[in-house]
Amino acid sequence: MLFAVEDIGIACVLSYPEFIQLMDDDLVCLLGLTLLVDPRCRTFFPDVEISQLTLSLYLMARCQMKRHYPVWLITYVLDLIKVARRKHKHDLTLNRLLLNLTERKVLEYISEDSRV
């Protein structure tokens, strides 16, 4: 996961099995489910890449939520996810899924905060 590769001008992070212990639970589950559901990911190497942009957005959102940043600041991540989706419109499985997971986590955090 810590090895960067340039792919059409976009830096990617490879999700090697050796780095699974360094990932958080949600990322490990997402990677595992992807490999189970989409057998193509087991053999087609680029399908197990995550762009640095996508991974950075996920980590930024998770850190902000754990540090209890104000909701207005965390909602900025939703705008960045839209930009990332446009930038990676023909992207691979893990990027799309991780962006969806990040968006869902942020929306869940916002809805919980509004209930309090």
PDB file of N, CA and C in Angstrom:
ATOM      1  N   MET A   1       0.799  -1.186   0.000  1.00  0.00           N
ATOM      2  CA  MET A   1       0.000   0.000   0.000  1.00  0.00           C
ATOM      3  C   MET A   1       0.852   1.265   0.000  1.00  0.00           C
ATOM      4  N   LEU A   2       2.083   1.190   0.312  1.00  0.00           N
ATOM      5  CA  LEU A   2       2.903   2.373   0.427  1.00  0.00           C
ATOM      6  C   LEU A   2       3.779   2.607  -0.791  1.00  0.00           C
ATOM      7  N   PHE A   3       3.593   1.875  -1.840  1.00  0.00           N
ATOM      8  CA  PHE A   3       4.419   1.975  -3.027  1.00  0.00           C
ATOM      9  C   PHE A   3       3.687   2.790  -4.080  1.00  0.00           C
ATOM     10  N   ALA A   4       4.274   3.908  -4.504  1.00  0.00           N
ATOM     11  CA  ALA A   4       3.600   4.784  -5.463  1.00  0.00           C
ATOM     12  C   ALA A   4       3.985   4.431  -6.891  1.00  0.00           C
ATOM     13  N   VAL A   5       3.019   4.494  -7.768  1.00  0.00           N
ATOM     14  CA  VAL A   5       3.212   4.212  -9.182  1.00  0.00           C
ATOM     15  C   VAL A   5       2.543   5.326  -9.968  1.00  0.00           C
ATOM     16  N   GLU A   6       3.167   5.793 -11.045  1.00  0.00           N
ATOM     17  CA  GLU A   6       2.533   6.795 -11.892  1.00  0.00           C
ATOM     18  C   GLU A   6       1.666   6.086 -12.920  1.00  0.00           C
ATOM     19  N   ASP A   7       0.405   6.440 -12.976  1.00  0.00           N
ATOM     20  CA  ASP A   7      -0.523   5.839 -13.919  1.00  0.00           C
ATOM     21  C   ASP A   7      -1.258   6.965 -14.637  1.00  0.00           C
ATOM     22  N   ILE A   8      -0.864   7.239 -15.837  1.00  0.00           N
ATOM     23  CA  ILE A   8      -1.461   8.298 -16.641  1.00  0.00           C
ATOM     24  C   ILE A   8      -1.418   9.626 -15.873  1.00  0.00           C
ATOM     25  N   GLY A   9      -0.280   9.917 -15.271  1.00  0.00           N
ATOM     26  CA  GLY A   9      -0.123  11.168 -14.562  1.00  0.00           C
ATOM     27  C   GLY A   9      -0.744  11.192 -13.175  1.00  0.00           C
ATOM     28  N   ILE A  10      -1.326  10.095 -12.732  1.00  0.00           N
ATOM     29  CA  ILE A  10      -1.955  10.032 -11.420  1.00  0.00           C
ATOM     30  C   ILE A  10      -1.162   9.060 -10.555  1.00  0.00           C
ATOM     31  N   ALA A  11      -0.675   9.540  -9.419  1.00  0.00           N
ATOM     32  CA  ALA A  11       0.075   8.670  -8.530  1.00  0.00           C
ATOM     33  C   ALA A  11      -0.871   7.683  -7.864  1.00  0.00           C
ATOM     34  N   CYS A  12      -0.483   6.411  -7.863  1.00  0.00           N
ATOM     35  CA  CYS A  12      -1.326   5.365  -7.282  1.00  0.00           C
ATOM     36  C   CYS A  12      -0.584   4.657  -6.162  1.00  0.00           C
ATOM     37  N   VAL A  13      -1.353   4.098  -5.266  1.00  0.00           N
ATOM     38  CA  VAL A  13      -0.827   3.343  -4.145  1.00  0.00           C
ATOM     39  C   VAL A  13      -1.282   1.904  -4.333  1.00  0.00           C
ATOM     40  N   LEU A  14      -0.347   0.983  -4.313  1.00  0.00           N
ATOM     41  CA  LEU A  14      -0.677  -0.425  -4.515  1.00  0.00           C
ATOM     42  C   LEU A  14      -1.054  -1.053  -3.180  1.00  0.00           C
ATOM     43  N   SER A  15      -2.071  -1.856  -3.187  1.00  0.00           N
ATOM     44  CA  SER A  15      -2.550  -2.478  -1.945  1.00  0.00           C
ATOM     45  C   SER A  15      -2.000  -3.900  -1.836  1.00  0.00           C
ATOM     46  N   TYR A  16      -0.729  -4.007  -1.527  1.00  0.00           N
ATOM     47  CA  TYR A  16      -0.099  -5.306  -1.337  1.00  0.00           C
ATOM     48  C   TYR A  16      -0.639  -5.973  -0.071  1.00  0.00           C
ATOM     49  N   PRO A  17      -0.793  -7.290  -0.084  1.00  0.00           N
ATOM     50  CA  PRO A  17      -1.287  -7.988   1.107  1.00  0.00           C
ATOM     51  C   PRO A  17      -0.392  -7.780   2.344  1.00  0.00           C
ATOM     52  N   GLU A  18       0.893  -7.538   2.136  1.00  0.00           N
ATOM     53  CA  GLU A  18       1.808  -7.339   3.262  1.00  0.00           C
ATOM     54  C   GLU A  18       1.482  -6.077   4.056  1.00  0.00           C
ATOM     55  N   PHE A  19       0.785  -5.135   3.450  1.00  0.00           N
ATOM     56  CA  PHE A  19       0.489  -3.877   4.116  1.00  0.00           C
ATOM     57  C   PHE A  19      -0.893  -3.833   4.753  1.00  0.00           C
ATOM     58  N   ILE A  20      -1.604  -4.942   4.708  1.00  0.00           N
ATOM     59  CA  ILE A  20      -2.962  -4.963   5.262  1.00  0.00           C
ATOM     60  C   ILE A  20      -2.964  -4.609   6.745  1.00  0.00           C
ATOM     61  N   GLN A  21      -1.941  -5.039   7.471  1.00  0.00           N
ATOM     62  CA  GLN A  21      -1.905  -4.741   8.905  1.00  0.00           C
ATOM     63  C   GLN A  21      -1.736  -3.247   9.190  1.00  0.00           C
ATOM     64  N   LEU A  22      -1.338  -2.462   8.192  1.00  0.00           N
ATOM     65  CA  LEU A  22      -1.187  -1.022   8.366  1.00  0.00           C
ATOM     66  C   LEU A  22      -2.462  -0.252   8.036  1.00  0.00           C
ATOM     67  N   MET A  23      -3.439  -0.926   7.453  1.00  0.00           N
ATOM     68  CA  MET A  23      -4.686  -0.276   7.041  1.00  0.00           C
ATOM     69  C   MET A  23      -5.693  -0.313   8.184  1.00  0.00           C
ATOM     70  N   ASP A  24      -6.662   0.599   8.135  1.00  0.00           N
ATOM     71  CA  ASP A  24      -7.717   0.546   9.139  1.00  0.00           C
ATOM     72  C   ASP A  24      -8.765  -0.487   8.721  1.00  0.00           C
ATOM     73  N   ASP A  25      -9.674  -0.791   9.625  1.00  0.00           N
ATOM     74  CA  ASP A  25     -10.655  -1.870   9.417  1.00  0.00           C
ATOM     75  C   ASP A  25     -11.511  -1.666   8.174  1.00  0.00           C
ATOM     76  N   ASP A  26     -11.990  -0.446   7.961  1.00  0.00           N
ATOM     77  CA  ASP A  26     -12.865  -0.195   6.811  1.00  0.00           C
ATOM     78  C   ASP A  26     -12.135  -0.427   5.487  1.00  0.00           C
ATOM     79  N   LEU A  27     -10.887  -0.012   5.437  1.00  0.00           N
ATOM     80  CA  LEU A  27     -10.099  -0.188   4.217  1.00  0.00           C
ATOM     81  C   LEU A  27      -9.806  -1.659   3.954  1.00  0.00           C
ATOM     82  N   VAL A  28      -9.507  -2.406   5.005  1.00  0.00           N
ATOM     83  CA  VAL A  28      -9.260  -3.848   4.864  1.00  0.00           C
ATOM     84  C   VAL A  28     -10.519  -4.558   4.393  1.00  0.00           C
ATOM     85  N   CYS A  29     -11.656  -4.226   4.982  1.00  0.00           N
ATOM     86  CA  CYS A  29     -12.924  -4.846   4.563  1.00  0.00           C
ATOM     87  C   CYS A  29     -13.250  -4.516   3.117  1.00  0.00           C
ATOM     88  N   LEU A  30     -13.049  -3.263   2.733  1.00  0.00           N
ATOM     89  CA  LEU A  30     -13.321  -2.857   1.356  1.00  0.00           C
ATOM     90  C   LEU A  30     -12.437  -3.620   0.377  1.00  0.00           C
ATOM     91  N   LEU A  31     -11.169  -3.745   0.691  1.00  0.00           N
ATOM     92  CA  LEU A  31     -10.241  -4.480  -0.168  1.00  0.00           C
ATOM     93  C   LEU A  31     -10.618  -5.957  -0.232  1.00  0.00           C
ATOM     94  N   GLY A  32     -10.925  -6.557   0.902  1.00  0.00           N
ATOM     95  CA  GLY A  32     -11.301  -7.966   0.941  1.00  0.00           C
ATOM     96  C   GLY A  32     -12.571  -8.251   0.174  1.00  0.00           C
ATOM     97  N   LEU A  33     -13.582  -7.420   0.367  1.00  0.00           N
ATOM     98  CA  LEU A  33     -14.840  -7.611  -0.356  1.00  0.00           C
ATOM     99  C   LEU A  33     -14.663  -7.414  -1.858  1.00  0.00           C
ATOM    100  N   THR A  34     -13.824  -6.464  -2.225  1.00  0.00           N
ATOM    101  CA  THR A  34     -13.556  -6.237  -3.647  1.00  0.00           C
ATOM    102  C   THR A  34     -12.927  -7.466  -4.278  1.00  0.00           C
ATOM    103  N   LEU A  35     -11.969  -8.063  -3.584  1.00  0.00           N
ATOM    104  CA  LEU A  35     -11.298  -9.251  -4.110  1.00  0.00           C
ATOM    105  C   LEU A  35     -12.241 -10.450  -4.159  1.00  0.00           C
ATOM    106  N   LEU A  36     -13.177 -10.533  -3.207  1.00  0.00           N
ATOM    107  CA  LEU A  36     -14.140 -11.633  -3.214  1.00  0.00           C
ATOM    108  C   LEU A  36     -15.188 -11.483  -4.323  1.00  0.00           C
ATOM    109  N   VAL A  37     -15.712 -10.278  -4.467  1.00  0.00           N
ATOM    110  CA  VAL A  37     -16.822 -10.050  -5.388  1.00  0.00           C
ATOM    111  C   VAL A  37     -16.350  -9.931  -6.845  1.00  0.00           C
ATOM    112  N   ASP A  38     -15.212  -9.304  -7.055  1.00  0.00           N
ATOM    113  CA  ASP A  38     -14.723  -9.059  -8.414  1.00  0.00           C
ATOM    114  C   ASP A  38     -13.452  -9.871  -8.662  1.00  0.00           C
ATOM    115  N   PRO A  39     -13.566 -11.094  -9.166  1.00  0.00           N
ATOM    116  CA  PRO A  39     -12.402 -11.953  -9.377  1.00  0.00           C
ATOM    117  C   PRO A  39     -11.357 -11.337 -10.307  1.00  0.00           C
ATOM    118  N   ARG A  40     -11.793 -10.418 -11.162  1.00  0.00           N
ATOM    119  CA  ARG A  40     -10.858  -9.744 -12.070  1.00  0.00           C
ATOM    120  C   ARG A  40      -9.779  -8.994 -11.289  1.00  0.00           C
ATOM    121  N   CYS A  41     -10.122  -8.519 -10.090  1.00  0.00           N
ATOM    122  CA  CYS A  41      -9.163  -7.780  -9.267  1.00  0.00           C
ATOM    123  C   CYS A  41      -8.017  -8.665  -8.793  1.00  0.00           C
ATOM    124  N   ARG A  42      -8.258  -9.978  -8.717  1.00  0.00           N
ATOM    125  CA  ARG A  42      -7.203 -10.893  -8.274  1.00  0.00           C
ATOM    126  C   ARG A  42      -6.126 -11.083  -9.323  1.00  0.00           C
ATOM    127  N   THR A  43      -6.492 -10.899 -10.575  1.00  0.00           N
ATOM    128  CA  THR A  43      -5.527 -11.149 -11.642  1.00  0.00           C
ATOM    129  C   THR A  43      -5.110  -9.893 -12.390  1.00  0.00           C
ATOM    130  N   PHE A  44      -5.975  -8.892 -12.421  1.00  0.00           N
ATOM    131  CA  PHE A  44      -5.664  -7.666 -13.146  1.00  0.00           C
ATOM    132  C   PHE A  44      -5.080  -6.669 -12.168  1.00  0.00           C
ATOM    133  N   PHE A  45      -3.774  -6.489 -12.218  1.00  0.00           N
ATOM    134  CA  PHE A  45      -3.008  -5.735 -11.241  1.00  0.00           C
ATOM    135  C   PHE A  45      -3.524  -4.320 -10.982  1.00  0.00           C
ATOM    136  N   PRO A  46      -3.844  -3.507 -12.003  1.00  0.00           N
ATOM    137  CA  PRO A  46      -4.290  -2.138 -11.720  1.00  0.00           C
ATOM    138  C   PRO A  46      -5.580  -2.051 -10.920  1.00  0.00           C
ATOM    139  N   ASP A  47      -6.368  -3.101 -10.865  1.00  0.00           N
ATOM    140  CA  ASP A  47      -7.610  -3.041 -10.097  1.00  0.00           C
ATOM    141  C   ASP A  47      -7.382  -3.023  -8.594  1.00  0.00           C
ATOM    142  N   VAL A  48      -6.170  -3.269  -8.143  1.00  0.00           N
ATOM    143  CA  VAL A  48      -5.890  -3.199  -6.708  1.00  0.00           C
ATOM    144  C   VAL A  48      -5.074  -1.954  -6.377  1.00  0.00           C
ATOM    145  N   GLU A  49      -5.172  -0.946  -7.228  1.00  0.00           N
ATOM    146  CA  GLU A  49      -4.521   0.332  -6.980  1.00  0.00           C
ATOM    147  C   GLU A  49      -5.534   1.335  -6.450  1.00  0.00           C
ATOM    148  N   ILE A  50      -5.053   2.205  -5.592  1.00  0.00           N
ATOM    149  CA  ILE A  50      -5.865   3.306  -5.093  1.00  0.00           C
ATOM    150  C   ILE A  50      -5.072   4.572  -5.386  1.00  0.00           C
ATOM    151  N   SER A  51      -5.711   5.576  -5.961  1.00  0.00           N
ATOM    152  CA  SER A  51      -4.974   6.808  -6.241  1.00  0.00           C
ATOM    153  C   SER A  51      -4.638   7.502  -4.924  1.00  0.00           C
ATOM    154  N   GLN A  52      -3.536   8.234  -4.936  1.00  0.00           N
ATOM    155  CA  GLN A  52      -3.148   8.956  -3.724  1.00  0.00           C
ATOM    156  C   GLN A  52      -4.191   9.997  -3.350  1.00  0.00           C
ATOM    157  N   LEU A  53      -4.828  10.581  -4.355  1.00  0.00           N
ATOM    158  CA  LEU A  53      -5.884  11.555  -4.095  1.00  0.00           C
ATOM    159  C   LEU A  53      -7.036  10.918  -3.325  1.00  0.00           C
ATOM    160  N   THR A  54      -7.478   9.761  -3.777  1.00  0.00           N
ATOM    161  CA  THR A  54      -8.584   9.071  -3.128  1.00  0.00           C
ATOM    162  C   THR A  54      -8.212   8.656  -1.710  1.00  0.00           C
ATOM    163  N   LEU A  55      -7.029   8.079  -1.551  1.00  0.00           N
ATOM    164  CA  LEU A  55      -6.582   7.653  -0.227  1.00  0.00           C
ATOM    165  C   LEU A  55      -6.414   8.850   0.707  1.00  0.00           C
ATOM    166  N   SER A  56      -5.895   9.945   0.187  1.00  0.00           N
ATOM    167  CA  SER A  56      -5.722  11.152   1.005  1.00  0.00           C
ATOM    168  C   SER A  56      -7.064  11.707   1.470  1.00  0.00           C
ATOM    169  N   LEU A  57      -8.060  11.703   0.574  1.00  0.00           N
ATOM    170  CA  LEU A  57      -9.394  12.176   0.969  1.00  0.00           C
ATOM    171  C   LEU A  57      -9.981  11.306   2.072  1.00  0.00           C
ATOM    172  N   TYR A  58      -9.830   9.998   1.914  1.00  0.00           N
ATOM    173  CA  TYR A  58     -10.342   9.071   2.924  1.00  0.00           C
ATOM    174  C   TYR A  58      -9.661   9.321   4.278  1.00  0.00           C
ATOM    175  N   LEU A  59      -8.340   9.404   4.262  1.00  0.00           N
ATOM    176  CA  LEU A  59      -7.600   9.603   5.517  1.00  0.00           C
ATOM    177  C   LEU A  59      -7.893  10.969   6.135  1.00  0.00           C
ATOM    178  N   MET A  60      -8.038  11.994   5.304  1.00  0.00           N
ATOM    179  CA  MET A  60      -8.350  13.324   5.811  1.00  0.00           C
ATOM    180  C   MET A  60      -9.721  13.322   6.488  1.00  0.00           C
ATOM    181  N   ALA A  61     -10.706  12.710   5.832  1.00  0.00           N
ATOM    182  CA  ALA A  61     -12.047  12.659   6.413  1.00  0.00           C
ATOM    183  C   ALA A  61     -12.042  11.889   7.725  1.00  0.00           C
ATOM    184  N   ARG A  62     -11.382  10.740   7.740  1.00  0.00           N
ATOM    185  CA  ARG A  62     -11.340   9.932   8.971  1.00  0.00           C
ATOM    186  C   ARG A  62     -10.664  10.691  10.112  1.00  0.00           C
ATOM    187  N   CYS A  63      -9.573  11.368   9.822  1.00  0.00           N
ATOM    188  CA  CYS A  63      -8.871  12.138  10.862  1.00  0.00           C
ATOM    189  C   CYS A  63      -9.745  13.276  11.382  1.00  0.00           C
ATOM    190  N   GLN A  64     -10.405  13.978  10.478  1.00  0.00           N
ATOM    191  CA  GLN A  64     -11.260  15.083  10.896  1.00  0.00           C
ATOM    192  C   GLN A  64     -12.417  14.593  11.759  1.00  0.00           C
ATOM    193  N   MET A  65     -12.978  13.445  11.407  1.00  0.00           N
ATOM    194  CA  MET A  65     -14.089  12.925  12.201  1.00  0.00           C
ATOM    195  C   MET A  65     -13.613  12.452  13.573  1.00  0.00           C
ATOM    196  N   LYS A  66     -12.460  11.824  13.621  1.00  0.00           N
ATOM    197  CA  LYS A  66     -11.945  11.351  14.914  1.00  0.00           C
ATOM    198  C   LYS A  66     -11.546  12.504  15.817  1.00  0.00           C
ATOM    199  N   ARG A  67     -11.096  13.616  15.222  1.00  0.00           N
ATOM    200  CA  ARG A  67     -10.698  14.787  15.999  1.00  0.00           C
ATOM    201  C   ARG A  67     -11.874  15.720  16.268  1.00  0.00           C
ATOM    202  N   HIS A  68     -13.091  15.328  15.811  1.00  0.00           N
ATOM    203  CA  HIS A  68     -14.322  16.084  16.028  1.00  0.00           C
ATOM    204  C   HIS A  68     -14.223  17.524  15.506  1.00  0.00           C
ATOM    205  N   TYR A  69     -13.788  17.626  14.250  1.00  0.00           N
ATOM    206  CA  TYR A  69     -13.760  18.926  13.586  1.00  0.00           C
ATOM    207  C   TYR A  69     -15.190  19.420  13.393  1.00  0.00           C
ATOM    208  N   PRO A  70     -15.359  20.725  13.205  1.00  0.00           N
ATOM    209  CA  PRO A  70     -16.711  21.250  12.952  1.00  0.00           C
ATOM    210  C   PRO A  70     -17.296  20.648  11.669  1.00  0.00           C
ATOM    211  N   VAL A  71     -18.595  20.475  11.658  1.00  0.00           N
ATOM    212  CA  VAL A  71     -19.276  19.849  10.527  1.00  0.00           C
ATOM    213  C   VAL A  71     -19.043  20.633   9.238  1.00  0.00           C
ATOM    214  N   TRP A  72     -19.051  21.958   9.316  1.00  0.00           N
ATOM    215  CA  TRP A  72     -18.877  22.759   8.103  1.00  0.00           C
ATOM    216  C   TRP A  72     -17.530  22.484   7.449  1.00  0.00           C
ATOM    217  N   LEU A  73     -16.520  22.167   8.245  1.00  0.00           N
ATOM    218  CA  LEU A  73     -15.201  21.869   7.687  1.00  0.00           C
ATOM    219  C   LEU A  73     -15.165  20.469   7.071  1.00  0.00           C
ATOM    220  N   ILE A  74     -15.853  19.534   7.700  1.00  0.00           N
ATOM    221  CA  ILE A  74     -15.884  18.164   7.184  1.00  0.00           C
ATOM    222  C   ILE A  74     -16.705  18.077   5.904  1.00  0.00           C
ATOM    223  N   THR A  75     -17.718  18.928   5.775  1.00  0.00           N
ATOM    224  CA  THR A  75     -18.520  18.905   4.543  1.00  0.00           C
ATOM    225  C   THR A  75     -17.704  19.333   3.327  1.00  0.00           C
ATOM    226  N   TYR A  76     -16.622  20.026   3.555  1.00  0.00           N
ATOM    227  CA  TYR A  76     -15.722  20.398   2.451  1.00  0.00           C
ATOM    228  C   TYR A  76     -15.186  19.154   1.746  1.00  0.00           C
ATOM    229  N   VAL A  77     -15.037  18.064   2.482  1.00  0.00           N
ATOM    230  CA  VAL A  77     -14.571  16.805   1.893  1.00  0.00           C
ATOM    231  C   VAL A  77     -15.545  16.320   0.829  1.00  0.00           C
ATOM    232  N   LEU A  78     -16.836  16.553   1.026  1.00  0.00           N
ATOM    233  CA  LEU A  78     -17.828  16.142   0.027  1.00  0.00           C
ATOM    234  C   LEU A  78     -17.595  16.847  -1.306  1.00  0.00           C
ATOM    235  N   ASP A  79     -17.219  18.124  -1.244  1.00  0.00           N
ATOM    236  CA  ASP A  79     -16.890  18.846  -2.477  1.00  0.00           C
ATOM    237  C   ASP A  79     -15.644  18.269  -3.131  1.00  0.00           C
ATOM    238  N   LEU A  80     -14.668  17.928  -2.321  1.00  0.00           N
ATOM    239  CA  LEU A  80     -13.435  17.344  -2.853  1.00  0.00           C
ATOM    240  C   LEU A  80     -13.681  15.972  -3.469  1.00  0.00           C
ATOM    241  N   ILE A  81     -14.629  15.223  -2.926  1.00  0.00           N
ATOM    242  CA  ILE A  81     -14.968  13.913  -3.491  1.00  0.00           C
ATOM    243  C   ILE A  81     -15.575  14.098  -4.886  1.00  0.00           C
ATOM    244  N   LYS A  82     -16.416  15.117  -5.055  1.00  0.00           N
ATOM    245  CA  LYS A  82     -16.983  15.386  -6.384  1.00  0.00           C
ATOM    246  C   LYS A  82     -15.890  15.709  -7.387  1.00  0.00           C
ATOM    247  N   VAL A  83     -14.915  16.496  -6.961  1.00  0.00           N
ATOM    248  CA  VAL A  83     -13.791  16.834  -7.836  1.00  0.00           C
ATOM    249  C   VAL A  83     -12.990  15.581  -8.174  1.00  0.00           C
ATOM    250  N   ALA A  84     -12.756  14.740  -7.181  1.00  0.00           N
ATOM    251  CA  ALA A  84     -11.984  13.502  -7.409  1.00  0.00           C
ATOM    252  C   ALA A  84     -12.722  12.575  -8.368  1.00  0.00           C
ATOM    253  N   ARG A  85     -14.025  12.512  -8.265  1.00  0.00           N
ATOM    254  CA  ARG A  85     -14.804  11.669  -9.187  1.00  0.00           C
ATOM    255  C   ARG A  85     -14.684  12.158 -10.624  1.00  0.00           C
ATOM    256  N   ARG A  86     -14.683  13.477 -10.809  1.00  0.00           N
ATOM    257  CA  ARG A  86     -14.504  14.016 -12.161  1.00  0.00           C
ATOM    258  C   ARG A  86     -13.095  13.745 -12.674  1.00  0.00           C
ATOM    259  N   LYS A  87     -12.121  13.846 -11.801  1.00  0.00           N
ATOM    260  CA  LYS A  87     -10.724  13.626 -12.200  1.00  0.00           C
ATOM    261  C   LYS A  87     -10.471  12.163 -12.560  1.00  0.00           C
ATOM    262  N   HIS A  88     -11.147  11.255 -11.862  1.00  0.00           N
ATOM    263  CA  HIS A  88     -10.966   9.817 -12.084  1.00  0.00           C
ATOM    264  C   HIS A  88     -12.215   9.200 -12.702  1.00  0.00           C
ATOM    265  N   LYS A  89     -12.773   9.826 -13.725  1.00  0.00           N
ATOM    266  CA  LYS A  89     -14.045   9.335 -14.264  1.00  0.00           C
ATOM    267  C   LYS A  89     -13.963   7.939 -14.864  1.00  0.00           C
ATOM    268  N   HIS A  90     -12.810   7.521 -15.359  1.00  0.00           N
ATOM    269  CA  HIS A  90     -12.659   6.171 -15.925  1.00  0.00           C
ATOM    270  C   HIS A  90     -11.835   5.314 -14.975  1.00  0.00           C
ATOM    271  N   ASP A  91     -12.082   5.462 -13.712  1.00  0.00           N
ATOM    272  CA  ASP A  91     -11.190   4.858 -12.740  1.00  0.00           C
ATOM    273  C   ASP A  91     -11.536   3.421 -12.407  1.00  0.00           C
ATOM    274  N   LEU A  92     -10.664   2.852 -11.634  1.00  0.00           N
ATOM    275  CA  LEU A  92     -10.755   1.442 -11.297  1.00  0.00           C
ATOM    276  C   LEU A  92     -11.623   1.207 -10.069  1.00  0.00           C
ATOM    277  N   THR A  93     -11.882  -0.029  -9.807  1.00  0.00           N
ATOM    278  CA  THR A  93     -12.849  -0.458  -8.801  1.00  0.00           C
ATOM    279  C   THR A  93     -12.591   0.139  -7.422  1.00  0.00           C
ATOM    280  N   LEU A  94     -11.391  -0.010  -6.888  1.00  0.00           N
ATOM    281  CA  LEU A  94     -11.136   0.433  -5.516  1.00  0.00           C
ATOM    282  C   LEU A  94     -11.267   1.938  -5.344  1.00  0.00           C
ATOM    283  N   ASN A  95     -10.877   2.716  -6.340  1.00  0.00           N
ATOM    284  CA  ASN A  95     -11.029   4.169  -6.231  1.00  0.00           C
ATOM    285  C   ASN A  95     -12.497   4.554  -6.118  1.00  0.00           C
ATOM    286  N   ARG A  96     -13.315   4.001  -6.976  1.00  0.00           N
ATOM    287  CA  ARG A  96     -14.749   4.323  -6.926  1.00  0.00           C
ATOM    288  C   ARG A  96     -15.350   3.905  -5.591  1.00  0.00           C
ATOM    289  N   LEU A  97     -15.011   2.696  -5.141  1.00  0.00           N
ATOM    290  CA  LEU A  97     -15.579   2.201  -3.892  1.00  0.00           C
ATOM    291  C   LEU A  97     -15.098   3.002  -2.684  1.00  0.00           C
ATOM    292  N   LEU A  98     -13.824   3.376  -2.684  1.00  0.00           N
ATOM    293  CA  LEU A  98     -13.298   4.138  -1.549  1.00  0.00           C
ATOM    294  C   LEU A  98     -13.884   5.547  -1.514  1.00  0.00           C
ATOM    295  N   LEU A  99     -14.092   6.149  -2.667  1.00  0.00           N
ATOM    296  CA  LEU A  99     -14.756   7.458  -2.686  1.00  0.00           C
ATOM    297  C   LEU A  99     -16.191   7.341  -2.169  1.00  0.00           C
ATOM    298  N   ASN A 100     -16.901   6.281  -2.566  1.00  0.00           N
ATOM    299  CA  ASN A 100     -18.262   6.061  -2.065  1.00  0.00           C
ATOM    300  C   ASN A 100     -18.264   5.833  -0.559  1.00  0.00           C
ATOM    301  N   LEU A 101     -17.318   5.042  -0.074  1.00  0.00           N
ATOM    302  CA  LEU A 101     -17.226   4.781   1.366  1.00  0.00           C
ATOM    303  C   LEU A 101     -16.936   6.068   2.132  1.00  0.00           C
ATOM    304  N   THR A 102     -16.016   6.873   1.626  1.00  0.00           N
ATOM    305  CA  THR A 102     -15.675   8.134   2.286  1.00  0.00           C
ATOM    306  C   THR A 102     -16.884   9.055   2.345  1.00  0.00           C
ATOM    307  N   GLU A 103     -17.593   9.158   1.232  1.00  0.00           N
ATOM    308  CA  GLU A 103     -18.784  10.000   1.188  1.00  0.00           C
ATOM    309  C   GLU A 103     -19.831   9.508   2.190  1.00  0.00           C
ATOM    310  N   ARG A 104     -20.024   8.212   2.241  1.00  0.00           N
ATOM    311  CA  ARG A 104     -21.014   7.643   3.166  1.00  0.00           C
ATOM    312  C   ARG A 104     -20.634   7.905   4.616  1.00  0.00           C
ATOM    313  N   LYS A 105     -19.349   7.749   4.937  1.00  0.00           N
ATOM    314  CA  LYS A 105     -18.884   7.994   6.309  1.00  0.00           C
ATOM    315  C   LYS A 105     -19.093   9.456   6.704  1.00  0.00           C
ATOM    316  N   VAL A 106     -18.779  10.369   5.789  1.00  0.00           N
ATOM    317  CA  VAL A 106     -18.942  11.796   6.081  1.00  0.00           C
ATOM    318  C   VAL A 106     -20.423  12.124   6.284  1.00  0.00           C
ATOM    319  N   LEU A 107     -21.290  11.623   5.402  1.00  0.00           N
ATOM    320  CA  LEU A 107     -22.725  11.884   5.542  1.00  0.00           C
ATOM    321  C   LEU A 107     -23.283  11.290   6.838  1.00  0.00           C
ATOM    322  N   GLU A 108     -22.798  10.118   7.197  1.00  0.00           N
ATOM    323  CA  GLU A 108     -23.220   9.480   8.449  1.00  0.00           C
ATOM    324  C   GLU A 108     -22.784  10.324   9.652  1.00  0.00           C
ATOM    325  N   TYR A 109     -21.566  10.834   9.613  1.00  0.00           N
ATOM    326  CA  TYR A 109     -21.042  11.675  10.684  1.00  0.00           C
ATOM    327  C   TYR A 109     -21.868  12.961  10.808  1.00  0.00           C
ATOM    328  N   ILE A 110     -22.187  13.558   9.671  1.00  0.00           N
ATOM    329  CA  ILE A 110     -22.969  14.794   9.674  1.00  0.00           C
ATOM    330  C   ILE A 110     -24.366  14.566  10.237  1.00  0.00           C
ATOM    331  N   SER A 111     -24.998  13.454   9.843  1.00  0.00           N
ATOM    332  CA  SER A 111     -26.345  13.167  10.337  1.00  0.00           C
ATOM    333  C   SER A 111     -26.334  12.875  11.836  1.00  0.00           C
ATOM    334  N   GLU A 112     -25.300  12.207  12.326  1.00  0.00           N
ATOM    335  CA  GLU A 112     -25.191  11.954  13.770  1.00  0.00           C
ATOM    336  C   GLU A 112     -24.976  13.250  14.525  1.00  0.00           C
ATOM    337  N   ASP A 113     -24.177  14.152  13.958  1.00  0.00           N
ATOM    338  CA  ASP A 113     -23.898  15.423  14.620  1.00  0.00           C
ATOM    339  C   ASP A 113     -25.145  16.300  14.668  1.00  0.00           C
ATOM    340  N   SER A 114     -25.973  16.232  13.651  1.00  0.00           N
ATOM    341  CA  SER A 114     -27.191  17.052  13.633  1.00  0.00           C
ATOM    342  C   SER A 114     -28.236  16.560  14.623  1.00  0.00           C
ATOM    343  N   ARG A 115     -28.153  15.271  14.971  1.00  0.00           N
ATOM    344  CA  ARG A 115     -29.101  14.712  15.945  1.00  0.00           C
ATOM    345  C   ARG A 115     -28.755  15.106  17.362  1.00  0.00           C
ATOM    346  N   VAL A 116     -27.511  15.447  17.597  1.00  0.00           N
ATOM    347  CA  VAL A 116     -27.055  15.772  18.968  1.00  0.00           C
ATOM    348  C   VAL A 116     -27.462  17.143  19.386  1.00  0.00           C
TER     349      VAL A 116
END
